[in-house]
């Protein structure tokens, strides 16, 4: 089962031209941005697909900027898990009330 899962994961990454595992090229340059610590070869990209090496320099997004895509879903079908959501059933026992916009159930 694990082999099948890893194969599907690799397949999905290849579809987006992403490496299938964190890079550890001995002649590459270390990317210190995340815990994976990719060692990226010249003209290669990191596991995240956001960092690349060009002419020996680490280029790409940094902590201030990133690539993203999004869409507005008019129906909140992608709602977070009920136990953390302030619109959830059990607001009284919610542990994250500090971060809610209102100090009451929002829906």
C-alpha atoms as a PDB file:
ATOM      1  CA  UNK A   1       0.000   0.000   0.000  1.00  0.00           C
ATOM      2  CA  UNK A   2       2.792   2.444   0.901  1.00  0.00           C
ATOM      3  CA  UNK A   3       4.568   1.817  -2.422  1.00  0.00           C
ATOM      4  CA  UNK A   4       1.357   2.554  -4.334  1.00  0.00           C
ATOM      5  CA  UNK A   5       0.817   5.742  -2.350  1.00  0.00           C
ATOM      6  CA  UNK A   6       4.382   6.927  -2.960  1.00  0.00           C
ATOM      7  CA  UNK A   7       4.056   6.110  -6.666  1.00  0.00           C
ATOM      8  CA  UNK A   8       0.840   8.175  -6.929  1.00  0.00           C
ATOM      9  CA  UNK A   9       2.462  11.031  -5.013  1.00  0.00           C
ATOM     10  CA  UNK A  10       5.438  11.004  -7.407  1.00  0.00           C
ATOM     11  CA  UNK A  11       3.088  10.863 -10.394  1.00  0.00           C
ATOM     12  CA  UNK A  12       1.145  13.903  -9.172  1.00  0.00           C
ATOM     13  CA  UNK A  13       4.373  15.892  -8.663  1.00  0.00           C
ATOM     14  CA  UNK A  14       5.666  14.983 -12.141  1.00  0.00           C
ATOM     15  CA  UNK A  15       2.444  16.376 -13.644  1.00  0.00           C
ATOM     16  CA  UNK A  16       3.543  19.802 -12.358  1.00  0.00           C
ATOM     17  CA  UNK A  17       7.229  19.320 -13.267  1.00  0.00           C
ATOM     18  CA  UNK A  18       8.175  19.085  -9.586  1.00  0.00           C
ATOM     19  CA  UNK A  19      10.886  16.796  -8.210  1.00  0.00           C
ATOM     20  CA  UNK A  20       9.525  13.561  -6.753  1.00  0.00           C
ATOM     21  CA  UNK A  21      11.798  13.787  -3.704  1.00  0.00           C
ATOM     22  CA  UNK A  22      13.889  16.493  -2.008  1.00  0.00           C
ATOM     23  CA  UNK A  23      17.046  17.142  -4.036  1.00  0.00           C
ATOM     24  CA  UNK A  24      20.476  16.304  -2.608  1.00  0.00           C
ATOM     25  CA  UNK A  25      22.810  17.033  -5.531  1.00  0.00           C
ATOM     26  CA  UNK A  26      26.422  16.930  -4.216  1.00  0.00           C
ATOM     27  CA  UNK A  27      27.456  19.683  -6.641  1.00  0.00           C
ATOM     28  CA  UNK A  28      24.379  21.817  -5.917  1.00  0.00           C
ATOM     29  CA  UNK A  29      23.665  24.736  -3.635  1.00  0.00           C
ATOM     30  CA  UNK A  30      21.916  24.431  -0.262  1.00  0.00           C
ATOM     31  CA  UNK A  31      18.469  25.995   0.064  1.00  0.00           C
ATOM     32  CA  UNK A  32      17.960  26.887   3.766  1.00  0.00           C
ATOM     33  CA  UNK A  33      14.328  28.015   3.442  1.00  0.00           C
ATOM     34  CA  UNK A  34      12.630  24.922   4.906  1.00  0.00           C
ATOM     35  CA  UNK A  35      13.456  21.801   6.888  1.00  0.00           C
ATOM     36  CA  UNK A  36      13.985  19.710   3.737  1.00  0.00           C
ATOM     37  CA  UNK A  37      17.238  21.572   3.028  1.00  0.00           C
ATOM     38  CA  UNK A  38      17.336  20.748  -0.680  1.00  0.00           C
ATOM     39  CA  UNK A  39      20.705  20.843  -2.384  1.00  0.00           C
ATOM     40  CA  UNK A  40      19.668  22.151  -5.783  1.00  0.00           C
ATOM     41  CA  UNK A  41      21.739  21.634  -8.940  1.00  0.00           C
ATOM     42  CA  UNK A  42      22.491  24.433 -11.404  1.00  0.00           C
ATOM     43  CA  UNK A  43      19.358  25.224 -13.466  1.00  0.00           C
ATOM     44  CA  UNK A  44      17.326  23.001 -11.138  1.00  0.00           C
ATOM     45  CA  UNK A  45      14.410  23.722  -8.809  1.00  0.00           C
ATOM     46  CA  UNK A  46      13.820  22.708  -5.201  1.00  0.00           C
ATOM     47  CA  UNK A  47      11.249  20.218  -3.996  1.00  0.00           C
ATOM     48  CA  UNK A  48       8.809  23.105  -3.420  1.00  0.00           C
ATOM     49  CA  UNK A  49       9.186  24.336  -6.993  1.00  0.00           C
ATOM     50  CA  UNK A  50       9.628  27.904  -5.705  1.00  0.00           C
ATOM     51  CA  UNK A  51      13.416  28.069  -5.419  1.00  0.00           C
ATOM     52  CA  UNK A  52      15.905  27.508  -8.227  1.00  0.00           C
ATOM     53  CA  UNK A  53      19.590  27.884  -8.905  1.00  0.00           C
ATOM     54  CA  UNK A  54      20.698  30.094 -11.779  1.00  0.00           C
ATOM     55  CA  UNK A  55      24.344  31.035 -12.337  1.00  0.00           C
ATOM     56  CA  UNK A  56      25.144  29.763  -8.845  1.00  0.00           C
ATOM     57  CA  UNK A  57      22.549  31.973  -7.128  1.00  0.00           C
ATOM     58  CA  UNK A  58      19.491  30.844  -5.197  1.00  0.00           C
ATOM     59  CA  UNK A  59      16.506  32.582  -6.782  1.00  0.00           C
ATOM     60  CA  UNK A  60      12.756  32.539  -6.335  1.00  0.00           C
ATOM     61  CA  UNK A  61      10.194  33.342  -3.695  1.00  0.00           C
ATOM     62  CA  UNK A  62      11.255  34.205  -0.181  1.00  0.00           C
ATOM     63  CA  UNK A  63       9.578  34.664   3.191  1.00  0.00           C
ATOM     64  CA  UNK A  64       7.940  37.888   1.992  1.00  0.00           C
ATOM     65  CA  UNK A  65       6.655  36.630  -1.354  1.00  0.00           C
ATOM     66  CA  UNK A  66       5.270  33.378  -2.660  1.00  0.00           C
ATOM     67  CA  UNK A  67       3.421  32.048  -5.645  1.00  0.00           C
ATOM     68  CA  UNK A  68      -0.199  31.243  -5.138  1.00  0.00           C
ATOM     69  CA  UNK A  69      -3.433  30.682  -6.912  1.00  0.00           C
ATOM     70  CA  UNK A  70      -6.888  30.966  -5.445  1.00  0.00           C
ATOM     71  CA  UNK A  71     -10.521  31.238  -6.289  1.00  0.00           C
ATOM     72  CA  UNK A  72     -13.582  32.624  -4.542  1.00  0.00           C
ATOM     73  CA  UNK A  73     -15.974  29.849  -3.633  1.00  0.00           C
ATOM     74  CA  UNK A  74     -19.424  31.430  -3.232  1.00  0.00           C
ATOM     75  CA  UNK A  75     -20.523  28.359  -1.305  1.00  0.00           C
ATOM     76  CA  UNK A  76     -18.334  27.614   1.730  1.00  0.00           C
ATOM     77  CA  UNK A  77     -17.936  23.956   0.833  1.00  0.00           C
ATOM     78  CA  UNK A  78     -14.264  23.964   1.774  1.00  0.00           C
ATOM     79  CA  UNK A  79     -14.944  24.860   5.375  1.00  0.00           C
ATOM     80  CA  UNK A  80     -12.372  23.996   8.038  1.00  0.00           C
ATOM     81  CA  UNK A  81     -12.937  21.209  10.519  1.00  0.00           C
ATOM     82  CA  UNK A  82     -15.831  21.847  12.887  1.00  0.00           C
ATOM     83  CA  UNK A  83     -13.721  21.561  16.049  1.00  0.00           C
ATOM     84  CA  UNK A  84     -11.662  24.639  15.115  1.00  0.00           C
ATOM     85  CA  UNK A  85     -14.360  26.631  13.334  1.00  0.00           C
ATOM     86  CA  UNK A  86     -16.088  29.466  15.199  1.00  0.00           C
ATOM     87  CA  UNK A  87     -19.238  28.664  13.267  1.00  0.00           C
ATOM     88  CA  UNK A  88     -19.097  25.126  14.603  1.00  0.00           C
ATOM     89  CA  UNK A  89     -21.648  23.412  16.773  1.00  0.00           C
ATOM     90  CA  UNK A  90     -19.653  23.506  20.032  1.00  0.00           C
ATOM     91  CA  UNK A  91     -18.498  27.138  20.264  1.00  0.00           C
ATOM     92  CA  UNK A  92     -18.555  27.133  24.072  1.00  0.00           C
ATOM     93  CA  UNK A  93     -15.748  24.551  24.177  1.00  0.00           C
ATOM     94  CA  UNK A  94     -13.736  26.039  21.301  1.00  0.00           C
ATOM     95  CA  UNK A  95     -10.122  26.476  22.384  1.00  0.00           C
ATOM     96  CA  UNK A  96      -9.257  29.125  19.784  1.00  0.00           C
ATOM     97  CA  UNK A  97     -11.852  31.798  20.737  1.00  0.00           C
ATOM     98  CA  UNK A  98      -9.079  34.389  21.037  1.00  0.00           C
ATOM     99  CA  UNK A  99      -8.641  34.338  17.269  1.00  0.00           C
ATOM    100  CA  UNK A 100     -12.347  34.615  16.402  1.00  0.00           C
ATOM    101  CA  UNK A 101     -13.784  37.833  15.000  1.00  0.00           C
ATOM    102  CA  UNK A 102     -16.682  37.624  17.432  1.00  0.00           C
ATOM    103  CA  UNK A 103     -16.821  36.154  20.910  1.00  0.00           C
ATOM    104  CA  UNK A 104     -19.940  34.224  20.001  1.00  0.00           C
ATOM    105  CA  UNK A 105     -20.929  31.647  17.442  1.00  0.00           C
ATOM    106  CA  UNK A 106     -20.571  33.343  14.041  1.00  0.00           C
ATOM    107  CA  UNK A 107     -23.411  31.627  12.211  1.00  0.00           C
END
